[in-house]
Amino acid sequence: MDLKDYQERIAETYLDRDRRRGLDRTFIWFVEEVGELARALRDRKNLSEEFADVLAWLLSVANLAGVDLDRAMARFRSGCPECRARPCRCPES
């Protein structure tokens, strides 16, 4: 599956529930999942599960916001969107 397929699968599974919850509350759930990922990175436990949860909640937020993440990620298909290089050659700040 590609990103578009995953976004569609998340919509099929959760969009009705996400709409009832609303964008703001769904975003809060996403942020909570990012916090769980931060703990998992520190503890080196459940990393795959936490990364998957963060991606699923991000896809839910994108669905509610009307953003096609596959299309949005097109800005990175050629490499860095600023310098267009792979790897990025932009000065680090």
Protein backbone atom coordinates (compact mmCIF):
# COMPACT_ATOMS: atom_id res chain seq x y z
CA MET A 1 0.00 0.00 0.00
CA ASP A 2 1.11 3.55 -0.62
CA LEU A 3 0.33 6.67 1.41
CA LYS A 4 -2.83 7.38 -0.58
CA ASP A 5 -4.11 3.85 0.10
CA TYR A 6 -3.42 4.21 3.82
CA GLN A 7 -5.18 7.58 3.94
CA GLU A 8 -8.21 6.05 2.23
CA ARG A 9 -8.17 3.06 4.61
CA ILE A 10 -8.06 5.35 7.65
CA ALA A 11 -10.98 7.36 6.20
CA GLU A 12 -13.01 4.19 5.61
CA THR A 13 -12.31 3.03 9.16
CA TYR A 14 -12.48 6.22 11.23
CA LEU A 15 -13.81 9.22 9.27
CA ASP A 16 -17.34 9.13 10.69
CA ARG A 17 -15.98 8.95 14.24
CA ASP A 18 -13.37 11.62 13.50
CA ARG A 19 -16.04 13.97 12.11
CA ARG A 20 -18.11 13.57 15.28
CA ARG A 21 -15.01 14.29 17.38
CA GLY A 22 -14.04 17.27 15.21
CA LEU A 23 -10.75 18.56 13.90
CA ASP A 24 -9.55 20.21 17.12
CA ARG A 25 -10.12 17.16 19.31
CA THR A 26 -8.72 14.80 16.68
CA PHE A 27 -5.60 16.97 16.48
CA ILE A 28 -5.27 16.76 20.27
CA TRP A 29 -5.36 12.95 20.02
CA PHE A 30 -2.63 13.17 17.36
CA VAL A 31 -0.46 15.29 19.67
CA GLU A 32 -0.98 12.80 22.51
CA GLU A 33 0.19 10.02 20.20
CA VAL A 34 3.30 12.05 19.36
CA GLY A 35 3.96 12.22 23.11
CA GLU A 36 3.64 8.44 23.34
CA LEU A 37 6.11 8.13 20.47
CA ALA A 38 8.53 10.41 22.32
CA ARG A 39 8.37 8.12 25.36
CA ALA A 40 8.83 5.06 23.15
CA LEU A 41 11.92 6.60 21.55
CA ARG A 42 13.37 7.31 24.98
CA ASP A 43 12.55 3.82 26.31
CA ARG A 44 13.23 2.03 22.99
CA LYS A 45 9.95 0.10 23.39
CA ASN A 46 6.96 -0.35 21.06
CA LEU A 47 8.51 1.86 18.39
CA SER A 48 6.74 0.30 15.40
CA GLU A 49 3.36 0.48 17.12
CA GLU A 50 3.83 4.10 18.18
CA PHE A 51 5.06 5.21 14.74
CA ALA A 52 2.02 3.52 13.18
CA ASP A 53 -0.32 5.22 15.66
CA VAL A 54 1.18 8.66 14.94
CA LEU A 55 0.84 8.12 11.19
CA ALA A 56 -2.77 6.91 11.54
CA TRP A 57 -3.75 9.95 13.61
CA LEU A 58 -1.93 12.28 11.18
CA LEU A 59 -3.92 10.71 8.34
CA SER A 60 -7.13 11.28 10.33
CA VAL A 61 -6.26 14.95 10.85
CA ALA A 62 -5.44 15.31 7.14
CA ASN A 63 -8.76 13.70 6.19
CA LEU A 64 -10.69 16.14 8.37
CA ALA A 65 -8.69 19.07 7.00
CA GLY A 66 -9.27 17.94 3.41
CA VAL A 67 -5.58 17.43 2.68
CA ASP A 68 -4.38 14.68 0.36
CA LEU A 69 -1.06 13.80 1.99
CA ASP A 70 0.20 11.94 -1.08
CA ARG A 71 -0.25 15.13 -3.10
CA ALA A 72 1.18 17.26 -0.28
CA MET A 73 4.31 15.10 -0.13
CA ALA A 74 4.98 15.80 -3.81
CA ARG A 75 7.02 18.78 -2.66
CA PHE A 76 9.67 16.30 -1.42
CA ARG A 77 9.71 13.95 -4.43
CA SER A 78 12.74 15.66 -6.01
CA GLY A 79 14.58 15.90 -2.71
CA CYS A 80 14.84 18.98 -0.54
CA PRO A 81 12.11 21.45 -1.54
CA GLU A 82 14.55 24.35 -1.01
CA CYS A 83 17.78 23.28 -2.72
CA ARG A 84 16.31 20.32 -4.71
CA ALA A 85 19.29 18.15 -3.73
CA ARG A 86 19.46 14.64 -2.30
CA PRO A 87 20.92 14.76 0.26
CA CYS A 88 19.98 18.29 1.22
CA ARG A 89 22.75 20.85 0.71
CA CYS A 90 21.04 23.74 2.50
CA PRO A 91 23.17 25.41 5.17
CA GLU A 92 22.30 24.10 8.62
CA SER A 93 20.98 26.69 11.00
